[in-house]
Full PDB file with SEQRES, HELIX, SHEET, SSBOND, CRYST1, ORIGX, SCALE, CONECT and MASTER records, all heavy atoms in Angstrom:
SEQRES   1 A   30  ARG ARG GLY ASP THR PRO TYR LEU ARG GLY THR LEU GLY          
SEQRES   2 A   30  MET LEU ALA MET ALA SER GLU LEU LEU ALA GLY ASP PRO          
SEQRES   3 A   30  ARG THR LYS PRO                                              
HELIX    1 AA1 LEU A   12  LEU A   22  1                                  11    
CRYST1    1.000    1.000    1.000  90.00  90.00  90.00 P 1           1          
ORIGX1      1.000000  0.000000  0.000000        0.00000                         
ORIGX2      0.000000  1.000000  0.000000        0.00000                         
ORIGX3      0.000000  0.000000  1.000000        0.00000                         
SCALE1      1.000000  0.000000  0.000000        0.00000                         
SCALE2      0.000000  1.000000  0.000000        0.00000                         
SCALE3      0.000000  0.000000  1.000000        0.00000                         
ATOM      1  N   ARG A   1     239.541  60.248 167.256  1.00  0.00           N  
ATOM      2  CA  ARG A   1     239.265  61.414 168.101  1.00  0.00           C  
ATOM      3  C   ARG A   1     238.436  62.457 167.348  1.00  0.00           C  
ATOM      4  O   ARG A   1     237.576  63.121 167.955  1.00  0.00           O  
ATOM      5  CB  ARG A   1     240.573  62.022 168.605  1.00  0.00           C  
ATOM      6  CG  ARG A   1     241.339  61.113 169.558  1.00  0.00           C  
ATOM      7  CD  ARG A   1     242.667  61.727 169.997  1.00  0.00           C  
ATOM      8  NE  ARG A   1     242.481  62.721 171.051  1.00  0.00           N  
ATOM      9  CZ  ARG A   1     242.708  64.019 170.904  1.00  0.00           C  
ATOM     10  NH1 ARG A   1     243.111  64.491 169.718  1.00  0.00           N  
ATOM     11  NH2 ARG A   1     242.531  64.858 171.910  1.00  0.00           N  
ATOM     12  N   ARG A   2     238.693  62.614 166.053  1.00  0.00           N  
ATOM     13  CA  ARG A   2     237.905  63.575 165.262  1.00  0.00           C  
ATOM     14  C   ARG A   2     236.462  63.138 165.109  1.00  0.00           C  
ATOM     15  O   ARG A   2     235.571  63.964 164.895  1.00  0.00           O  
ATOM     16  CB  ARG A   2     238.513  63.740 163.873  1.00  0.00           C  
ATOM     17  CG  ARG A   2     239.747  64.599 163.776  1.00  0.00           C  
ATOM     18  CD  ARG A   2     240.026  64.988 162.331  1.00  0.00           C  
ATOM     19  NE  ARG A   2     240.085  63.840 161.452  1.00  0.00           N  
ATOM     20  CZ  ARG A   2     241.199  63.180 161.138  1.00  0.00           C  
ATOM     21  NH1 ARG A   2     242.347  63.567 161.665  1.00  0.00           N  
ATOM     22  NH2 ARG A   2     241.175  62.151 160.323  1.00  0.00           N  
ATOM     23  N   GLY A   3     236.228  61.827 165.158  1.00  0.00           N  
ATOM     24  CA  GLY A   3     234.878  61.315 164.948  1.00  0.00           C  
ATOM     25  C   GLY A   3     234.675  60.760 163.557  1.00  0.00           C  
ATOM     26  O   GLY A   3     233.534  60.441 163.181  1.00  0.00           O  
ATOM     27  N   ASP A   4     235.754  60.622 162.774  1.00  0.00           N  
ATOM     28  CA  ASP A   4     235.621  60.025 161.442  1.00  0.00           C  
ATOM     29  C   ASP A   4     235.154  58.573 161.552  1.00  0.00           C  
ATOM     30  O   ASP A   4     234.461  58.066 160.663  1.00  0.00           O  
ATOM     31  CB  ASP A   4     236.957  60.058 160.701  1.00  0.00           C  
ATOM     32  CG  ASP A   4     237.430  61.471 160.413  1.00  0.00           C  
ATOM     33  OD1 ASP A   4     236.628  62.412 160.593  1.00  0.00           O  
ATOM     34  OD2 ASP A   4     238.600  61.637 160.021  1.00  0.00           O  
ATOM     35  N   THR A   5     235.559  57.909 162.623  1.00  0.00           N  
ATOM     36  CA  THR A   5     235.175  56.522 162.884  1.00  0.00           C  
ATOM     37  C   THR A   5     235.012  56.328 164.380  1.00  0.00           C  
ATOM     38  O   THR A   5     235.764  56.916 165.168  1.00  0.00           O  
ATOM     39  CB  THR A   5     236.229  55.541 162.346  1.00  0.00           C  
ATOM     40  OG1 THR A   5     235.868  54.198 162.753  1.00  0.00           O  
ATOM     41  CG2 THR A   5     237.614  55.859 162.892  1.00  0.00           C  
ATOM     42  N   PRO A   6     234.051  55.521 164.800  1.00  0.00           N  
ATOM     43  CA  PRO A   6     233.939  55.242 166.237  1.00  0.00           C  
ATOM     44  C   PRO A   6     234.832  54.090 166.674  1.00  0.00           C  
ATOM     45  O   PRO A   6     234.927  53.810 167.872  1.00  0.00           O  
ATOM     46  CB  PRO A   6     232.463  54.870 166.386  1.00  0.00           C  
ATOM     47  CG  PRO A   6     232.107  54.241 165.068  1.00  0.00           C  
ATOM     48  CD  PRO A   6     232.907  54.988 164.035  1.00  0.00           C  
ATOM     49  N   TYR A   7     235.461  53.400 165.720  1.00  0.00           N  
ATOM     50  CA  TYR A   7     236.201  52.175 166.028  1.00  0.00           C  
ATOM     51  C   TYR A   7     237.705  52.406 165.996  1.00  0.00           C  
ATOM     52  O   TYR A   7     238.220  53.278 165.277  1.00  0.00           O  
ATOM     53  CB  TYR A   7     235.845  51.070 165.033  1.00  0.00           C  
ATOM     54  CG  TYR A   7     234.431  50.561 165.176  1.00  0.00           C  
ATOM     55  CD1 TYR A   7     233.432  50.992 164.305  1.00  0.00           C  
ATOM     56  CD2 TYR A   7     234.091  49.665 166.182  1.00  0.00           C  
ATOM     57  CE1 TYR A   7     232.126  50.527 164.431  1.00  0.00           C  
ATOM     58  CE2 TYR A   7     232.786  49.203 166.314  1.00  0.00           C  
ATOM     59  CZ  TYR A   7     231.812  49.639 165.443  1.00  0.00           C  
ATOM     60  OH  TYR A   7     230.528  49.187 165.578  1.00  0.00           O  
ATOM     61  N   LEU A   8     238.409  51.598 166.770  1.00  0.00           N  
ATOM     62  CA  LEU A   8     239.870  51.604 166.810  1.00  0.00           C  
ATOM     63  C   LEU A   8     240.333  50.161 166.697  1.00  0.00           C  
ATOM     64  O   LEU A   8     239.810  49.270 167.370  1.00  0.00           O  
ATOM     65  CB  LEU A   8     240.354  52.212 168.129  1.00  0.00           C  
ATOM     66  CG  LEU A   8     241.810  52.695 168.197  1.00  0.00           C  
ATOM     67  CD1 LEU A   8     242.070  53.776 167.148  1.00  0.00           C  
ATOM     68  CD2 LEU A   8     242.102  53.237 169.593  1.00  0.00           C  
ATOM     69  N   ARG A   9     241.330  49.931 165.853  1.00  0.00           N  
ATOM     70  CA  ARG A   9     241.813  48.575 165.577  1.00  0.00           C  
ATOM     71  C   ARG A   9     243.314  48.501 165.839  1.00  0.00           C  
ATOM     72  O   ARG A   9     244.103  49.245 165.263  1.00  0.00           O  
ATOM     73  CB  ARG A   9     241.508  48.233 164.113  1.00  0.00           C  
ATOM     74  CG  ARG A   9     242.158  46.963 163.592  1.00  0.00           C  
ATOM     75  CD  ARG A   9     241.488  45.714 164.153  1.00  0.00           C  
ATOM     76  NE  ARG A   9     242.199  44.540 163.660  1.00  0.00           N  
ATOM     77  CZ  ARG A   9     243.256  43.993 164.275  1.00  0.00           C  
ATOM     78  NH1 ARG A   9     243.701  44.497 165.409  1.00  0.00           N  
ATOM     79  NH2 ARG A   9     243.843  42.938 163.762  1.00  0.00           N  
ATOM     80  N   GLY A  10     243.717  47.624 166.743  1.00  0.00           N  
ATOM     81  CA  GLY A  10     245.136  47.480 167.037  1.00  0.00           C  
ATOM     82  C   GLY A  10     245.382  46.319 167.976  1.00  0.00           C  
ATOM     83  O   GLY A  10     244.488  45.506 168.234  1.00  0.00           O  
ATOM     84  N   THR A  11     246.597  46.231 168.481  1.00  0.00           N  
ATOM     85  CA  THR A  11     246.885  45.241 169.505  1.00  0.00           C  
ATOM     86  C   THR A  11     246.519  45.822 170.857  1.00  0.00           C  
ATOM     87  O   THR A  11     246.401  47.046 171.018  1.00  0.00           O  
ATOM     88  CB  THR A  11     248.374  44.854 169.507  1.00  0.00           C  
ATOM     89  OG1 THR A  11     249.151  45.968 169.979  1.00  0.00           O  
ATOM     90  CG2 THR A  11     248.846  44.446 168.116  1.00  0.00           C  
ATOM     91  N   LEU A  12     246.369  44.944 171.839  1.00  0.00           N  
ATOM     92  CA  LEU A  12     246.041  45.436 173.169  1.00  0.00           C  
ATOM     93  C   LEU A  12     247.149  46.339 173.697  1.00  0.00           C  
ATOM     94  O   LEU A  12     246.889  47.337 174.376  1.00  0.00           O  
ATOM     95  CB  LEU A  12     245.809  44.260 174.126  1.00  0.00           C  
ATOM     96  CG  LEU A  12     245.301  44.662 175.514  1.00  0.00           C  
ATOM     97  CD1 LEU A  12     243.927  45.309 175.416  1.00  0.00           C  
ATOM     98  CD2 LEU A  12     245.245  43.454 176.435  1.00  0.00           C  
ATOM     99  N   GLY A  13     248.392  46.001 173.377  1.00  0.00           N  
ATOM    100  CA  GLY A  13     249.504  46.839 173.800  1.00  0.00           C  
ATOM    101  C   GLY A  13     249.424  48.232 173.201  1.00  0.00           C  
ATOM    102  O   GLY A  13     249.743  49.225 173.857  1.00  0.00           O  
ATOM    103  N   MET A  14     248.995  48.335 171.947  1.00  0.00           N  
ATOM    104  CA  MET A  14     248.827  49.636 171.319  1.00  0.00           C  
ATOM    105  C   MET A  14     247.739  50.435 172.034  1.00  0.00           C  
ATOM    106  O   MET A  14     247.885  51.630 172.292  1.00  0.00           O  
ATOM    107  CB  MET A  14     248.470  49.456 169.843  1.00  0.00           C  
ATOM    108  CG  MET A  14     249.532  48.770 169.014  1.00  0.00           C  
ATOM    109  SD  MET A  14     251.055  49.728 168.861  1.00  0.00           S  
ATOM    110  CE  MET A  14     250.512  51.045 167.784  1.00  0.00           C  
ATOM    111  N   LEU A  15     246.626  49.773 172.341  1.00  0.00           N  
ATOM    112  CA  LEU A  15     245.564  50.461 173.082  1.00  0.00           C  
ATOM    113  C   LEU A  15     246.057  50.917 174.448  1.00  0.00           C  
ATOM    114  O   LEU A  15     245.701  51.994 174.925  1.00  0.00           O  
ATOM    115  CB  LEU A  15     244.354  49.542 173.246  1.00  0.00           C  
ATOM    116  CG  LEU A  15     243.491  49.273 172.014  1.00  0.00           C  
ATOM    117  CD1 LEU A  15     242.311  48.392 172.389  1.00  0.00           C  
ATOM    118  CD2 LEU A  15     243.003  50.569 171.395  1.00  0.00           C  
ATOM    119  N   ALA A  16     246.863  50.079 175.092  1.00  0.00           N  
ATOM    120  CA  ALA A  16     247.401  50.443 176.404  1.00  0.00           C  
ATOM    121  C   ALA A  16     248.249  51.701 176.314  1.00  0.00           C  
ATOM    122  O   ALA A  16     248.223  52.553 177.207  1.00  0.00           O  
ATOM    123  CB  ALA A  16     248.219  49.285 176.974  1.00  0.00           C  
ATOM    124  N   MET A  17     249.001  51.844 175.224  1.00  0.00           N  
ATOM    125  CA  MET A  17     249.826  53.044 175.052  1.00  0.00           C  
ATOM    126  C   MET A  17     248.990  54.275 174.729  1.00  0.00           C  
ATOM    127  O   MET A  17     249.388  55.399 175.025  1.00  0.00           O  
ATOM    128  CB  MET A  17     250.867  52.806 173.958  1.00  0.00           C  
ATOM    129  CG  MET A  17     252.074  52.023 174.435  1.00  0.00           C  
ATOM    130  SD  MET A  17     253.359  51.845 173.176  1.00  0.00           S  
ATOM    131  CE  MET A  17     252.798  50.360 172.343  1.00  0.00           C  
ATOM    132  N   ALA A  18     247.814  54.065 174.116  1.00  0.00           N  
ATOM    133  CA  ALA A  18     246.951  55.184 173.746  1.00  0.00           C  
ATOM    134  C   ALA A  18     245.905  55.504 174.803  1.00  0.00           C  
ATOM    135  O   ALA A  18     245.230  56.535 174.712  1.00  0.00           O  
ATOM    136  CB  ALA A  18     246.253  54.885 172.421  1.00  0.00           C  
ATOM    137  N   SER A  19     245.746  54.649 175.804  1.00  0.00           N  
ATOM    138  CA  SER A  19     244.624  54.780 176.744  1.00  0.00           C  
ATOM    139  C   SER A  19     244.663  56.082 177.524  1.00  0.00           C  
ATOM    140  O   SER A  19     243.623  56.693 177.786  1.00  0.00           O  
ATOM    141  CB  SER A  19     244.603  53.587 177.701  1.00  0.00           C  
ATOM    142  OG  SER A  19     245.806  53.512 178.447  1.00  0.00           O  
ATOM    143  N   GLU A  20     245.855  56.535 177.909  1.00  0.00           N  
ATOM    144  CA  GLU A  20     245.954  57.781 178.667  1.00  0.00           C  
ATOM    145  C   GLU A  20     245.469  58.957 177.829  1.00  0.00           C  
ATOM    146  O   GLU A  20     244.721  59.816 178.307  1.00  0.00           O  
ATOM    147  CB  GLU A  20     247.397  57.999 179.110  1.00  0.00           C  
ATOM    148  CG  GLU A  20     247.593  59.246 179.970  1.00  0.00           C  
ATOM    149  CD  GLU A  20     249.040  59.423 180.382  1.00  0.00           C  
ATOM    150  OE1 GLU A  20     249.936  58.850 179.725  1.00  0.00           O  
ATOM    151  OE2 GLU A  20     249.269  60.154 181.355  1.00  0.00           O  
ATOM    152  N   LEU A  21     245.882  58.992 176.565  1.00  0.00           N  
ATOM    153  CA  LEU A  21     245.436  60.045 175.657  1.00  0.00           C  
ATOM    154  C   LEU A  21     243.936  59.983 175.456  1.00  0.00           C  
ATOM    155  O   LEU A  21     243.236  60.999 175.563  1.00  0.00           O  
ATOM    156  CB  LEU A  21     246.150  59.884 174.312  1.00  0.00           C  
ATOM    157  CG  LEU A  21     245.591  60.681 173.137  1.00  0.00           C  
ATOM    158  CD1 LEU A  21     245.877  62.167 173.318  1.00  0.00           C  
ATOM    159  CD2 LEU A  21     246.169  60.183 171.820  1.00  0.00           C  
ATOM    160  N   LEU A  22     243.403  58.812 175.181  1.00  0.00           N  
ATOM    161  CA  LEU A  22     241.987  58.675 174.824  1.00  0.00           C  
ATOM    162  C   LEU A  22     241.066  58.851 176.023  1.00  0.00           C  
ATOM    163  O   LEU A  22     239.898  59.216 175.863  1.00  0.00           O  
ATOM    164  CB  LEU A  22     241.754  57.320 174.158  1.00  0.00           C  
ATOM    165  CG  LEU A  22     242.545  57.096 172.863  1.00  0.00           C  
ATOM    166  CD1 LEU A  22     242.263  55.707 172.297  1.00  0.00           C  
ATOM    167  CD2 LEU A  22     242.226  58.171 171.834  1.00  0.00           C  
ATOM    168  N   ALA A  23     241.569  58.579 177.228  1.00  0.00           N  
ATOM    169  CA  ALA A  23     240.755  58.768 178.426  1.00  0.00           C  
ATOM    170  C   ALA A  23     240.678  60.232 178.836  1.00  0.00           C  
ATOM    171  O   ALA A  23     239.930  60.583 179.755  1.00  0.00           O  
ATOM    172  CB  ALA A  23     241.321  57.943 179.579  1.00  0.00           C  
ATOM    173  N   GLY A  24     241.424  61.081 178.135  1.00  0.00           N  
ATOM    174  CA  GLY A  24     241.388  62.507 178.461  1.00  0.00           C  
ATOM    175  C   GLY A  24     240.058  63.156 178.172  1.00  0.00           C  
ATOM    176  O   GLY A  24     239.748  64.223 178.710  1.00  0.00           O  
ATOM    177  N   ASP A  25     239.254  62.536 177.314  1.00  0.00           N  
ATOM    178  CA  ASP A  25     237.902  63.013 177.029  1.00  0.00           C  
ATOM    179  C   ASP A  25     236.972  61.817 177.207  1.00  0.00           C  
ATOM    180  O   ASP A  25     237.197  60.770 176.602  1.00  0.00           O  
ATOM    181  CB  ASP A  25     237.815  63.545 175.601  1.00  0.00           C  
ATOM    182  CG  ASP A  25     236.485  64.240 175.309  1.00  0.00           C  
ATOM    183  OD1 ASP A  25     235.418  63.593 175.459  1.00  0.00           O  
ATOM    184  OD2 ASP A  25     236.513  65.424 174.911  1.00  0.00           O  
ATOM    185  N   PRO A  26     235.930  61.926 178.037  1.00  0.00           N  
ATOM    186  CA  PRO A  26     235.055  60.771 178.295  1.00  0.00           C  
ATOM    187  C   PRO A  26     234.402  60.223 177.036  1.00  0.00           C  
ATOM    188  O   PRO A  26     234.019  59.053 176.986  1.00  0.00           O  
ATOM    189  CB  PRO A  26     234.006  61.317 179.271  1.00  0.00           C  
ATOM    190  CG  PRO A  26     234.066  62.811 179.136  1.00  0.00           C  
ATOM    191  CD  PRO A  26     235.481  63.127 178.781  1.00  0.00           C  
ATOM    192  N   ARG A  27     234.282  61.030 175.984  1.00  0.00           N  
ATOM    193  CA  ARG A  27     233.669  60.550 174.748  1.00  0.00           C  
ATOM    194  C   ARG A  27     234.550  59.537 174.023  1.00  0.00           C  
ATOM    195  O   ARG A  27     234.045  58.637 173.348  1.00  0.00           O  
ATOM    196  CB  ARG A  27     233.381  61.732 173.814  1.00  0.00           C  
ATOM    197  CG  ARG A  27     232.323  62.694 174.310  1.00  0.00           C  
ATOM    198  CD  ARG A  27     232.254  63.927 173.417  1.00  0.00           C  
ATOM    199  NE  ARG A  27     233.480  64.723 173.503  1.00  0.00           N  
ATOM    200  CZ  ARG A  27     233.723  65.814 172.765  1.00  0.00           C  
ATOM    201  NH1 ARG A  27     232.816  66.211 171.868  1.00  0.00           N  
ATOM    202  NH2 ARG A  27     234.840  66.496 172.907  1.00  0.00           N  
ATOM    203  N   THR A  28     235.856  59.691 174.150  1.00  0.00           N  
ATOM    204  CA  THR A  28     236.771  58.846 173.377  1.00  0.00           C  
ATOM    205  C   THR A  28     237.396  57.726 174.192  1.00  0.00           C  
ATOM    206  O   THR A  28     238.188  56.944 173.650  1.00  0.00           O  
ATOM    207  CB  THR A  28     237.893  59.693 172.761  1.00  0.00           C  
ATOM    208  OG1 THR A  28     238.637  60.332 173.804  1.00  0.00           O  
ATOM    209  CG2 THR A  28     237.337  60.728 171.812  1.00  0.00           C  
ATOM    210  N   LYS A  29     237.060  57.644 175.476  1.00  0.00           N  
ATOM    211  CA  LYS A  29     237.617  56.542 176.255  1.00  0.00           C  
ATOM    212  C   LYS A  29     237.229  55.228 175.585  1.00  0.00           C  
ATOM    213  O   LYS A  29     236.051  54.968 175.342  1.00  0.00           O  
ATOM    214  CB  LYS A  29     237.108  56.568 177.687  1.00  0.00           C  
ATOM    215  CG  LYS A  29     237.807  55.543 178.577  1.00  0.00           C  
ATOM    216  CD  LYS A  29     237.404  55.668 180.042  1.00  0.00           C  
ATOM    217  CE  LYS A  29     238.193  54.670 180.884  1.00  0.00           C  
ATOM    218  NZ  LYS A  29     237.853  54.731 182.319  1.00  0.00           N  
ATOM    219  N   PRO A  30     238.213  54.374 175.257  1.00  0.00           N  
ATOM    220  CA  PRO A  30     237.885  53.174 174.483  1.00  0.00           C  
ATOM    221  C   PRO A  30     237.204  52.096 175.308  1.00  0.00           C  
ATOM    222  O   PRO A  30     237.531  51.880 176.478  1.00  0.00           O  
ATOM    223  CB  PRO A  30     239.253  52.701 173.984  1.00  0.00           C  
ATOM    224  CG  PRO A  30     240.232  53.217 174.983  1.00  0.00           C  
ATOM    225  CD  PRO A  30     239.664  54.511 175.481  1.00  0.00           C  
TER     226      PRO A  30                                                      
MASTER        0    0    0    1    0    0    0    6  225    1    0    3          
END                                                                             
């Protein structure tokens, strides 16, 4: 979210748990 890295590495389930948070800003939607 800070922009230190554009990539995110995890399981799909982890992304599913983070998707609501990350979709809060169109820039960070995975």
